[in-house]
Amino acid sequence: MELRNCPVCGKLFVYTVRNLCPECAKKDEENFEKVRQYLYDVPQATLEEIAEKNRRSRKECSGIFKRRPAYAEKEQPEHSEL
């Protein structure tokens, strides 16, 4: 059992898979879902639009896809050609 401090809130937690305490991991997952849903609804959105509409910084929004590269590659909605 390895104890670590959460890099977001500083709280001590038992490290399992993610380097976040359970509370911050839950918030991170909720933020990811909001951004993912926005991209599903507006697939042509720019990083600036995503950040503005989700009240996140550009860095936070781009970090979401760095932490979840499988989404960036596989789960993006398909675009139909007109």
Protein backbone atom coordinates (compact mmCIF):
# COMPACT_ATOMS: atom_id res chain seq x y z
CA MET A 1 0.00 0.00 0.00
CA GLU A 2 1.52 3.29 -1.17
CA LEU A 3 0.47 6.64 0.28
CA ARG A 4 0.72 9.79 -1.84
CA ASN A 5 -0.38 13.38 -1.71
CA CYS A 6 -2.90 14.44 -4.33
CA PRO A 7 -1.23 16.91 -6.73
CA VAL A 8 -4.50 18.90 -6.97
CA CYS A 9 -5.67 19.30 -3.36
CA GLY A 10 -2.70 17.97 -1.37
CA LYS A 11 -4.80 15.41 0.49
CA LEU A 12 -3.12 12.13 1.50
CA PHE A 13 -4.59 9.06 -0.24
CA VAL A 14 -3.84 5.43 -1.00
CA TYR A 15 -2.41 5.27 -4.53
CA THR A 16 -4.04 2.70 -6.81
CA VAL A 17 -4.10 3.52 -10.51
CA ARG A 18 -4.55 7.28 -10.79
CA ASN A 19 -2.37 9.88 -9.14
CA LEU A 20 -5.43 11.71 -7.74
CA CYS A 21 -7.37 11.32 -4.52
CA PRO A 22 -10.87 9.85 -4.98
CA GLU A 23 -12.57 13.26 -4.70
CA CYS A 24 -10.33 14.93 -7.30
CA ALA A 25 -10.56 11.86 -9.55
CA LYS A 26 -14.36 12.14 -9.46
CA LYS A 27 -14.22 15.86 -10.33
CA ASP A 28 -11.74 15.10 -13.12
CA GLU A 29 -14.06 12.45 -14.55
CA GLU A 30 -17.04 14.83 -14.39
CA ASN A 31 -15.03 17.51 -16.22
CA PHE A 32 -14.02 14.97 -18.85
CA GLU A 33 -17.65 13.95 -19.41
CA LYS A 34 -18.75 17.59 -19.81
CA VAL A 35 -16.05 18.27 -22.38
CA ARG A 36 -16.70 14.96 -24.15
CA GLN A 37 -20.42 15.73 -24.41
CA TYR A 38 -19.72 19.24 -25.69
CA LEU A 39 -17.45 17.81 -28.40
CA TYR A 40 -20.10 15.29 -29.33
CA ASP A 41 -22.65 18.10 -29.68
CA VAL A 42 -20.24 20.53 -31.42
CA PRO A 43 -17.58 18.40 -33.16
CA GLN A 44 -15.98 21.34 -35.00
CA ALA A 45 -15.39 23.33 -31.78
CA THR A 46 -11.99 24.91 -31.31
CA LEU A 47 -9.97 24.55 -28.13
CA GLU A 48 -10.88 28.14 -27.20
CA GLU A 49 -14.61 27.43 -27.62
CA ILE A 50 -14.37 24.22 -25.61
CA ALA A 51 -12.58 26.02 -22.78
CA GLU A 52 -15.00 28.95 -22.77
CA LYS A 53 -18.19 26.89 -22.88
CA ASN A 54 -16.99 24.49 -20.19
CA ARG A 55 -15.43 27.18 -17.97
CA ARG A 56 -12.03 25.52 -18.09
CA SER A 57 -8.63 26.78 -19.15
CA ARG A 58 -7.23 25.77 -22.53
CA LYS A 59 -4.53 23.87 -20.66
CA GLU A 60 -7.13 21.85 -18.70
CA CYS A 61 -9.07 21.01 -21.86
CA SER A 62 -6.03 19.93 -23.83
CA GLY A 63 -4.82 17.92 -20.81
CA ILE A 64 -8.03 15.91 -20.87
CA PHE A 65 -7.05 14.38 -24.18
CA LYS A 66 -3.43 13.89 -23.21
CA ARG A 67 -4.61 11.79 -20.27
CA ARG A 68 -7.14 9.92 -22.41
CA PRO A 69 -5.54 9.40 -25.82
CA ALA A 70 -7.89 6.53 -26.64
CA TYR A 71 -10.81 9.00 -26.69
CA ALA A 72 -8.97 11.40 -28.95
CA GLU A 73 -8.32 8.59 -31.43
CA LYS A 74 -11.42 6.38 -31.23
CA GLU A 75 -14.47 8.07 -29.78
CA GLN A 76 -14.73 11.25 -31.81
CA PRO A 77 -17.97 11.46 -33.73
CA GLU A 78 -17.77 10.83 -37.43
CA HIS A 79 -18.22 13.78 -39.76
CA SER A 80 -20.40 13.34 -42.81
CA GLU A 81 -19.39 15.01 -46.01
CA LEU A 82 -22.07 17.18 -47.64
